Amino acid sequence: MKEGTSNSPSDICSTDRDYDVLQWDAREECEVRQILDRIADKWSLLVIALLEKRTLRFTELKRNIDGISQRMLTTTLRHLERDGIIERTVYPVVPPKVDYALTPLGCTLHETIRSLVLWTEQNQADIIAARQRYDMRDVDGM
């Protein structure tokens, strides 16, 4: 065994031995990492969750996302549109009406996000207990 490595319990979690975590490399040309960074930020997750049930206008999204600035919402929407996660529909009326909706690709992403949220809800007590054990260990000087 190489120095600095261990057979941790996580070794038994993976069923796909060909899976390469290094594909998430932070190199500039690494698309996987760029996409993960984009869709996993807190604002994108909230936008995707809100658009799961219906189309919304910009002002409705802003009103429902506590703490997001107009500039950040605009940037988030543009990035999600560029990635094909949402679609923007502009209606030729005065004043202009713009709606945002999930694309079919965005709907599949929402299913994945929902699974992550369900996992979090099911395991939150264990996570809180682990945090408390860690914090106690840190206080005790271990």
C-alpha atoms as a PDB file:
ATOM      1  CA  MET A   1       0.000   0.000   0.000  1.00  0.00           C
ATOM      2  CA  LYS A   2       1.307   3.468  -0.872  1.00  0.00           C
ATOM      3  CA  GLU A   3       2.143   5.860   1.915  1.00  0.00           C
ATOM      4  CA  GLY A   4      -0.773   8.180   2.666  1.00  0.00           C
ATOM      5  CA  THR A   5      -3.411   5.733   1.465  1.00  0.00           C
ATOM      6  CA  SER A   6      -5.667   3.459   3.390  1.00  0.00           C
ATOM      7  CA  ASN A   7      -8.375   0.909   2.927  1.00  0.00           C
ATOM      8  CA  SER A   8     -11.194   3.019   4.232  1.00  0.00           C
ATOM      9  CA  PRO A   9     -14.815   1.953   4.624  1.00  0.00           C
ATOM     10  CA  SER A  10     -15.571   4.086   1.564  1.00  0.00           C
ATOM     11  CA  ASP A  11     -13.763   1.483  -0.551  1.00  0.00           C
ATOM     12  CA  ILE A  12     -16.770  -0.776  -0.165  1.00  0.00           C
ATOM     13  CA  CYS A  13     -19.267   1.890  -1.298  1.00  0.00           C
ATOM     14  CA  SER A  14     -18.305   2.004  -4.943  1.00  0.00           C
ATOM     15  CA  THR A  15     -19.717  -0.636  -7.225  1.00  0.00           C
ATOM     16  CA  ASP A  16     -18.170   0.921 -10.332  1.00  0.00           C
ATOM     17  CA  ARG A  17     -14.437   0.268 -10.242  1.00  0.00           C
ATOM     18  CA  ASP A  18     -13.920   2.115 -13.549  1.00  0.00           C
ATOM     19  CA  TYR A  19     -15.250   5.367 -12.085  1.00  0.00           C
ATOM     20  CA  ASP A  20     -12.554   8.031 -12.054  1.00  0.00           C
ATOM     21  CA  VAL A  21     -13.073  10.823  -9.523  1.00  0.00           C
ATOM     22  CA  LEU A  22     -10.178  12.666 -11.127  1.00  0.00           C
ATOM     23  CA  GLN A  23     -12.481  13.455 -14.023  1.00  0.00           C
ATOM     24  CA  TRP A  24     -13.671  16.295 -11.753  1.00  0.00           C
ATOM     25  CA  ASP A  25     -10.245  17.865 -12.075  1.00  0.00           C
ATOM     26  CA  ALA A  26     -10.288  21.645 -11.659  1.00  0.00           C
ATOM     27  CA  ARG A  27      -8.334  22.210 -14.862  1.00  0.00           C
ATOM     28  CA  GLU A  28      -9.786  24.936 -17.011  1.00  0.00           C
ATOM     29  CA  GLU A  29     -10.718  22.555 -19.825  1.00  0.00           C
ATOM     30  CA  CYS A  30     -12.508  20.069 -17.564  1.00  0.00           C
ATOM     31  CA  GLU A  31     -16.164  20.267 -18.574  1.00  0.00           C
ATOM     32  CA  VAL A  32     -17.430  17.939 -15.820  1.00  0.00           C
ATOM     33  CA  ARG A  33     -16.059  20.183 -13.088  1.00  0.00           C
ATOM     34  CA  GLN A  34     -17.378  23.324 -14.772  1.00  0.00           C
ATOM     35  CA  ILE A  35     -20.862  21.854 -15.128  1.00  0.00           C
ATOM     36  CA  LEU A  36     -20.901  20.599 -11.536  1.00  0.00           C
ATOM     37  CA  ASP A  37     -19.765  23.992 -10.271  1.00  0.00           C
ATOM     38  CA  ARG A  38     -22.538  25.654 -12.248  1.00  0.00           C
ATOM     39  CA  ILE A  39     -25.484  23.446 -11.347  1.00  0.00           C
ATOM     40  CA  ALA A  40     -24.524  22.751  -7.753  1.00  0.00           C
ATOM     41  CA  ASP A  41     -24.318  26.320  -6.498  1.00  0.00           C
ATOM     42  CA  LYS A  42     -27.024  27.393  -4.074  1.00  0.00           C
ATOM     43  CA  TRP A  43     -28.758  29.818  -6.429  1.00  0.00           C
ATOM     44  CA  SER A  44     -28.995  27.362  -9.326  1.00  0.00           C
ATOM     45  CA  LEU A  45     -30.422  24.659  -7.075  1.00  0.00           C
ATOM     46  CA  LEU A  46     -33.110  27.046  -5.825  1.00  0.00           C
ATOM     47  CA  VAL A  47     -34.020  28.227  -9.331  1.00  0.00           C
ATOM     48  CA  ILE A  48     -34.291  24.640 -10.576  1.00  0.00           C
ATOM     49  CA  ALA A  49     -36.427  23.641  -7.588  1.00  0.00           C
ATOM     50  CA  LEU A  50     -38.774  26.606  -8.053  1.00  0.00           C
ATOM     51  CA  LEU A  51     -39.217  25.938 -11.766  1.00  0.00           C
ATOM     52  CA  GLU A  52     -40.071  22.281 -11.172  1.00  0.00           C
ATOM     53  CA  LYS A  53     -43.806  22.929 -10.796  1.00  0.00           C
ATOM     54  CA  ARG A  54     -44.426  25.770 -13.253  1.00  0.00           C
ATOM     55  CA  THR A  55     -42.959  28.552 -15.330  1.00  0.00           C
ATOM     56  CA  LEU A  56     -42.103  31.745 -13.464  1.00  0.00           C
ATOM     57  CA  ARG A  57     -41.279  35.306 -14.337  1.00  0.00           C
ATOM     58  CA  PHE A  58     -38.069  36.977 -13.186  1.00  0.00           C
ATOM     59  CA  THR A  59     -39.822  38.958 -10.453  1.00  0.00           C
ATOM     60  CA  GLU A  60     -41.511  35.800  -9.120  1.00  0.00           C
ATOM     61  CA  LEU A  61     -38.168  34.029  -8.919  1.00  0.00           C
ATOM     62  CA  LYS A  62     -36.539  37.008  -7.194  1.00  0.00           C
ATOM     63  CA  ARG A  63     -39.390  37.252  -4.684  1.00  0.00           C
ATOM     64  CA  ASN A  64     -39.118  33.536  -3.852  1.00  0.00           C
ATOM     65  CA  ILE A  65     -35.323  33.359  -3.475  1.00  0.00           C
ATOM     66  CA  ASP A  66     -34.399  35.108  -0.254  1.00  0.00           C
ATOM     67  CA  GLY A  67     -31.125  36.997  -0.415  1.00  0.00           C
ATOM     68  CA  ILE A  68     -30.428  36.822  -4.153  1.00  0.00           C
ATOM     69  CA  SER A  69     -29.559  40.073  -5.888  1.00  0.00           C
ATOM     70  CA  GLN A  70     -31.023  41.021  -9.239  1.00  0.00           C
ATOM     71  CA  ARG A  71     -27.578  40.742 -10.821  1.00  0.00           C
ATOM     72  CA  MET A  72     -26.932  37.279  -9.365  1.00  0.00           C
ATOM     73  CA  LEU A  73     -30.350  36.012 -10.485  1.00  0.00           C
ATOM     74  CA  THR A  74     -29.747  37.368 -13.989  1.00  0.00           C
ATOM     75  CA  THR A  75     -26.337  35.677 -14.135  1.00  0.00           C
ATOM     76  CA  THR A  76     -27.704  32.391 -12.780  1.00  0.00           C
ATOM     77  CA  LEU A  77     -30.563  32.346 -15.282  1.00  0.00           C
ATOM     78  CA  ARG A  78     -28.225  33.082 -18.190  1.00  0.00           C
ATOM     79  CA  HIS A  79     -25.862  30.278 -17.191  1.00  0.00           C
ATOM     80  CA  LEU A  80     -28.686  27.773 -16.757  1.00  0.00           C
ATOM     81  CA  GLU A  81     -30.149  28.794 -20.102  1.00  0.00           C
ATOM     82  CA  ARG A  82     -26.763  28.450 -21.799  1.00  0.00           C
ATOM     83  CA  ASP A  83     -26.374  24.959 -20.338  1.00  0.00           C
ATOM     84  CA  GLY A  84     -29.829  23.922 -21.594  1.00  0.00           C
ATOM     85  CA  ILE A  85     -31.294  23.499 -18.102  1.00  0.00           C
ATOM     86  CA  ILE A  86     -33.918  26.232 -18.439  1.00  0.00           C
ATOM     87  CA  GLU A  87     -35.560  27.994 -21.336  1.00  0.00           C
ATOM     88  CA  ARG A  88     -36.426  31.666 -21.567  1.00  0.00           C
ATOM     89  CA  THR A  89     -39.528  32.695 -23.485  1.00  0.00           C
ATOM     90  CA  VAL A  90     -39.997  36.332 -24.451  1.00  0.00           C
ATOM     91  CA  TYR A  91     -43.507  37.433 -25.402  1.00  0.00           C
ATOM     92  CA  PRO A  92     -43.873  40.347 -27.855  1.00  0.00           C
ATOM     93  CA  VAL A  93     -45.979  42.570 -25.615  1.00  0.00           C
ATOM     94  CA  VAL A  94     -45.441  45.946 -23.976  1.00  0.00           C
ATOM     95  CA  PRO A  95     -44.007  45.830 -21.401  1.00  0.00           C
ATOM     96  CA  PRO A  96     -42.091  42.698 -22.400  1.00  0.00           C
ATOM     97  CA  LYS A  97     -43.111  39.510 -20.632  1.00  0.00           C
ATOM     98  CA  VAL A  98     -40.415  36.875 -20.014  1.00  0.00           C
ATOM     99  CA  ASP A  99     -41.030  33.425 -18.563  1.00  0.00           C
ATOM    100  CA  TYR A 100     -38.527  30.820 -17.404  1.00  0.00           C
ATOM    101  CA  ALA A 101     -39.170  27.079 -17.403  1.00  0.00           C
ATOM    102  CA  LEU A 102     -37.222  23.861 -16.999  1.00  0.00           C
ATOM    103  CA  THR A 103     -36.252  22.080 -20.191  1.00  0.00           C
ATOM    104  CA  PRO A 104     -36.558  18.282 -20.421  1.00  0.00           C
ATOM    105  CA  LEU A 105     -32.854  18.160 -19.485  1.00  0.00           C
ATOM    106  CA  GLY A 106     -33.573  20.409 -16.500  1.00  0.00           C
ATOM    107  CA  CYS A 107     -36.371  18.076 -15.405  1.00  0.00           C
ATOM    108  CA  THR A 108     -33.962  15.142 -15.282  1.00  0.00           C
ATOM    109  CA  LEU A 109     -31.576  17.249 -13.209  1.00  0.00           C
ATOM    110  CA  HIS A 110     -34.403  18.147 -10.833  1.00  0.00           C
ATOM    111  CA  GLU A 111     -35.047  14.419 -10.259  1.00  0.00           C
ATOM    112  CA  THR A 112     -31.415  14.041  -9.203  1.00  0.00           C
ATOM    113  CA  ILE A 113     -31.603  17.075  -6.927  1.00  0.00           C
ATOM    114  CA  ARG A 114     -34.775  15.701  -5.342  1.00  0.00           C
ATOM    115  CA  SER A 115     -32.934  12.436  -4.584  1.00  0.00           C
ATOM    116  CA  LEU A 116     -30.147  14.399  -2.890  1.00  0.00           C
ATOM    117  CA  VAL A 117     -32.647  16.377  -0.812  1.00  0.00           C
ATOM    118  CA  LEU A 118     -34.449  13.166   0.221  1.00  0.00           C
ATOM    119  CA  TRP A 119     -31.126  11.587   1.217  1.00  0.00           C
ATOM    120  CA  THR A 120     -30.329  14.679   3.287  1.00  0.00           C
ATOM    121  CA  GLU A 121     -33.714  14.602   5.023  1.00  0.00           C
ATOM    122  CA  GLN A 122     -33.381  10.879   5.777  1.00  0.00           C
ATOM    123  CA  ASN A 123     -29.863  11.242   7.168  1.00  0.00           C
ATOM    124  CA  GLN A 124     -29.953  14.631   8.853  1.00  0.00           C
ATOM    125  CA  ALA A 125     -30.152  13.175  12.378  1.00  0.00           C
ATOM    126  CA  ASP A 126     -27.027  11.071  11.738  1.00  0.00           C
ATOM    127  CA  ILE A 127     -25.224  14.072  10.288  1.00  0.00           C
ATOM    128  CA  ILE A 128     -26.141  16.266  13.264  1.00  0.00           C
ATOM    129  CA  ALA A 129     -24.945  13.553  15.661  1.00  0.00           C
ATOM    130  CA  ALA A 130     -21.669  13.224  13.738  1.00  0.00           C
ATOM    131  CA  ARG A 131     -21.172  16.988  13.894  1.00  0.00           C
ATOM    132  CA  GLN A 132     -21.748  16.965  17.646  1.00  0.00           C
ATOM    133  CA  ARG A 133     -19.254  14.122  18.134  1.00  0.00           C
ATOM    134  CA  TYR A 134     -16.706  15.971  16.011  1.00  0.00           C
ATOM    135  CA  ASP A 135     -17.242  19.252  17.851  1.00  0.00           C
ATOM    136  CA  MET A 136     -16.883  17.522  21.221  1.00  0.00           C
ATOM    137  CA  ARG A 137     -13.678  15.849  20.082  1.00  0.00           C
ATOM    138  CA  ASP A 138     -12.348  19.205  18.946  1.00  0.00           C
ATOM    139  CA  VAL A 139     -13.215  20.799  22.313  1.00  0.00           C
ATOM    140  CA  ASP A 140     -11.609  17.964  24.252  1.00  0.00           C
ATOM    141  CA  GLY A 141      -8.355  18.493  22.338  1.00  0.00           C
ATOM    142  CA  MET A 142      -8.385  15.171  20.544  1.00  0.00           C
END
